[in-house]
Protein backbone atom coordinates (compact mmCIF):
# COMPACT_ATOMS: atom_id res chain seq x y z
CA MET A 1 9.01 -4.37 4.30
CA ASN A 2 8.72 -7.81 2.76
CA HIS A 3 5.74 -9.68 4.25
CA LYS A 4 5.14 -13.45 4.37
CA GLY A 5 1.56 -13.43 5.71
CA THR A 6 -0.09 -16.27 7.55
CA VAL A 7 1.97 -19.42 7.07
CA MET A 8 1.31 -22.51 9.18
CA PHE A 9 3.58 -23.29 12.12
CA GLU A 10 3.45 -26.01 14.75
CA THR A 11 4.37 -26.23 18.40
CA THR A 12 4.41 -29.26 20.68
CA ASN A 13 0.63 -29.31 21.22
CA LEU A 14 -0.74 -26.93 18.60
CA ILE A 15 -1.06 -26.37 14.88
CA CYS A 16 -1.40 -22.70 13.98
CA ARG A 17 -2.77 -22.37 10.47
CA ARG A 18 -5.03 -20.23 8.30
CA PHE A 19 -8.71 -20.31 9.10
CA THR A 20 -10.94 -22.36 6.80
CA PRO A 21 -14.74 -22.43 6.42
CA TYR A 22 -14.74 -25.64 8.48
CA ASP A 23 -13.68 -23.70 11.60
CA CYS A 24 -17.14 -22.13 11.99
CA HIS A 25 -18.68 -24.53 14.52
CA ASP A 26 -15.53 -24.81 16.67
CA MET A 27 -15.19 -21.02 16.74
CA LEU A 28 -18.78 -20.53 17.86
CA ARG A 29 -18.66 -23.33 20.44
CA ASN A 30 -15.18 -22.74 21.85
CA TRP A 31 -14.69 -18.97 21.98
CA ALA A 32 -16.55 -16.58 19.67
CA SER A 33 -19.85 -16.87 21.58
CA ASP A 34 -18.28 -16.51 25.02
CA PRO A 35 -18.86 -12.99 26.42
CA GLN A 36 -15.96 -13.27 28.88
CA ILE A 37 -13.45 -14.15 26.16
CA GLN A 38 -14.72 -11.74 23.53
CA THR A 39 -14.98 -8.86 25.99
CA GLU A 40 -11.43 -9.45 27.25
CA TYR A 41 -10.01 -8.61 23.86
CA ARG A 42 -12.72 -6.16 22.86
CA GLU A 43 -14.45 -8.18 20.15
CA PRO A 44 -18.19 -8.65 19.66
CA VAL A 45 -19.92 -11.73 21.03
CA TYR A 46 -21.31 -13.90 18.24
CA SER A 47 -24.62 -15.64 18.84
CA ASP A 48 -25.17 -17.75 15.73
CA ILE A 49 -23.34 -19.63 13.02
CA ASN A 50 -24.20 -17.07 10.31
CA GLU A 51 -22.43 -14.27 12.22
CA VAL A 52 -19.35 -16.45 12.72
CA SER A 53 -19.45 -17.50 9.07
CA LYS A 54 -19.35 -13.83 8.02
CA LEU A 55 -16.41 -13.15 10.35
CA LEU A 56 -14.64 -16.22 9.02
CA SER A 57 -15.23 -15.08 5.43
CA ASP A 58 -13.58 -11.76 6.28
CA TYR A 59 -10.57 -13.56 7.78
CA ILE A 60 -10.22 -15.83 4.75
CA GLU A 61 -10.61 -12.97 2.26
CA ASN A 62 -7.84 -11.03 4.00
CA TYR A 63 -5.34 -13.86 3.45
CA GLN A 64 -4.79 -12.41 -0.03
CA ASN A 65 -3.00 -9.50 1.68
CA PRO A 66 0.66 -10.35 2.34
CA ASP A 67 0.69 -8.22 5.52
CA TYR A 68 -2.22 -10.17 7.08
CA TYR A 69 -1.21 -12.44 9.96
CA ARG A 70 -4.06 -14.39 11.63
CA TRP A 71 -3.88 -18.02 12.72
CA ALA A 72 -6.48 -20.51 13.92
CA ILE A 73 -5.10 -22.34 16.94
CA ILE A 74 -5.78 -26.07 16.60
CA GLU A 75 -5.22 -28.47 19.49
CA LYS A 76 -3.40 -31.47 18.03
CA THR A 77 -5.10 -34.10 20.20
CA SER A 78 -8.73 -33.03 19.63
CA LYS A 79 -8.19 -31.36 16.20
CA GLU A 80 -10.46 -28.56 17.45
CA ASN A 81 -10.09 -24.85 16.76
CA ILE A 82 -9.57 -23.60 20.31
CA GLY A 83 -8.76 -19.95 19.62
CA GLN A 84 -6.75 -17.58 17.51
CA ILE A 85 -3.56 -15.55 17.48
CA ALA A 86 -2.85 -12.61 15.19
CA LEU A 87 -0.96 -9.47 14.44
CA CYS A 88 -4.01 -7.25 14.77
CA ARG A 89 -1.99 -4.21 13.74
CA VAL A 90 0.96 -4.10 11.37
CA TYR A 91 3.14 -1.00 11.13
CA SER A 92 5.31 -1.71 8.09
CA ASP A 93 6.94 1.71 8.21
CA CYS A 94 8.71 0.82 11.48
CA GLY A 95 8.64 -2.99 11.31
CA THR A 96 6.31 -3.40 14.30
CA GLY A 97 3.39 -5.78 14.85
CA GLU A 98 0.82 -5.83 17.65
CA ILE A 99 -0.22 -9.26 18.92
CA GLU A 100 -3.66 -10.39 20.07
CA TYR A 101 -4.77 -13.87 21.09
CA CYS A 102 -7.62 -15.78 22.70
CA ILE A 103 -8.15 -19.36 23.84
CA GLY A 104 -11.51 -20.98 24.66
CA LYS A 105 -12.19 -21.42 28.40
CA HIS A 106 -12.39 -25.21 28.17
CA PHE A 107 -8.73 -25.16 27.11
CA TRP A 108 -7.41 -22.75 29.76
CA GLY A 109 -4.76 -23.86 32.21
CA ARG A 110 -2.83 -25.97 29.68
CA GLY A 111 -0.33 -23.31 28.63
CA TYR A 112 -1.74 -23.08 25.11
CA ALA A 113 -1.84 -19.26 24.90
CA GLY A 114 1.82 -19.03 25.87
CA GLU A 115 2.74 -21.88 23.54
CA ALA A 116 0.98 -20.21 20.60
CA LEU A 117 2.58 -16.86 21.49
CA SER A 118 6.08 -18.36 21.64
CA GLY A 119 5.49 -20.16 18.35
CA MET A 120 4.26 -17.02 16.64
CA ILE A 121 7.17 -14.91 17.91
CA ALA A 122 9.58 -17.55 16.57
CA TYR A 123 7.79 -17.69 13.20
CA ILE A 124 7.74 -13.88 12.83
CA PHE A 125 11.39 -13.28 13.73
CA ARG A 126 12.70 -16.24 11.73
CA ASN A 127 10.67 -15.56 8.58
CA THR A 128 9.92 -11.84 8.31
CA GLU A 129 11.61 -8.46 8.61
CA PHE A 130 9.65 -7.34 11.70
CA GLN A 131 11.93 -5.57 14.18
CA LYS A 132 9.55 -5.42 17.14
CA LEU A 133 6.48 -7.26 18.41
CA GLU A 134 4.16 -5.73 20.99
CA ALA A 135 1.16 -6.69 23.07
CA TYR A 136 -0.78 -5.25 25.95
CA HIS A 137 -3.49 -6.31 28.36
CA ARG A 138 -5.85 -4.46 30.60
CA ALA A 139 -4.72 -4.61 34.23
CA GLU A 140 -7.86 -6.51 35.24
CA ASN A 141 -7.19 -9.24 32.65
CA ILE A 142 -4.91 -11.21 34.94
CA LYS A 143 -4.86 -14.38 32.80
CA SER A 144 -3.57 -12.53 29.74
CA GLY A 145 -1.08 -10.76 31.98
CA ARG A 146 0.31 -14.10 33.15
CA VAL A 147 0.75 -15.23 29.55
CA LEU A 148 2.76 -12.11 28.71
CA GLN A 149 4.77 -12.24 31.95
CA LYS A 150 5.88 -15.80 31.17
CA SER A 151 6.74 -14.97 27.56
CA ALA A 152 10.00 -13.70 26.09
CA MET A 153 8.41 -10.24 25.94
CA LYS A 154 9.35 -7.57 28.47
CA MET A 155 7.24 -4.84 30.05
CA THR A 156 7.49 -1.45 28.34
CA ASP A 157 5.96 2.01 28.80
CA ASN A 158 3.93 2.15 25.60
CA VAL A 159 3.06 0.43 22.32
CA GLU A 160 3.00 1.80 18.79
CA ARG A 161 -0.80 2.02 18.65
CA PHE A 162 -1.01 4.29 21.69
CA ALA A 163 2.00 6.35 20.62
CA ARG A 164 0.49 7.06 17.20
CA GLU A 165 -2.88 7.91 18.73
CA LYS A 166 -1.12 10.09 21.36
CA ILE A 167 -2.68 8.04 24.15
CA ASN A 168 -0.92 7.55 27.45
CA PRO A 169 -1.87 4.00 28.48
CA HIS A 170 -3.92 3.99 31.69
CA GLY A 171 -4.97 0.59 32.89
CA GLU A 172 -3.11 -1.19 30.08
CA ILE A 173 0.14 -3.01 30.71
CA CYS A 174 2.38 -3.01 27.65
CA TYR A 175 4.98 -5.58 26.52
CA CYS A 176 7.40 -5.86 23.63
CA ILE A 177 10.27 -7.86 22.22
CA TYR A 178 12.85 -6.65 19.72
CA ARG A 179 14.35 -8.83 17.02
CA GLU A 180 17.85 -8.38 18.47
CA GLU A 181 16.61 -9.65 21.87
CA TYR A 182 15.14 -12.83 20.40
CA LEU A 183 17.35 -15.88 20.78
CA PHE A 184 17.30 -17.70 17.43
């Protein structure tokens, strides 16, 4: 599979680009230190700038890998890093990517998660050889569920991660979209 990696794309209200060292303070303030956000997508809560700086260094270092897809979500009006969207798992052997995203609470209710998701789906299907994109949310994460319900993705029984680990999803609601279903 020929990978393109993290290449900037824009939507109406957002710029989705590679992380830079300058994102540190926005990340800590807007989402990485928030237990509710970090817990929702099973990431650690960061309490100081040094921890976020280390995480950010890991992100930036991984950009050298062509199969690494992780974008900082920048609100155009404020120029702030308000969250992230990524393919947290890439299965090159079957052309499948698993999506994760988060948006800081101060930016909820503006449709930004759905906008970033739609933009990323468009970027991936227009510029790569991925055949399928997947995501899931825990049943109790209603906000993430609404984002996926409103997206071009459709509910499905399982995702690649669970299938490979021989896990029957309990409490997770799975979604996917195939390349041939995407309207270019």
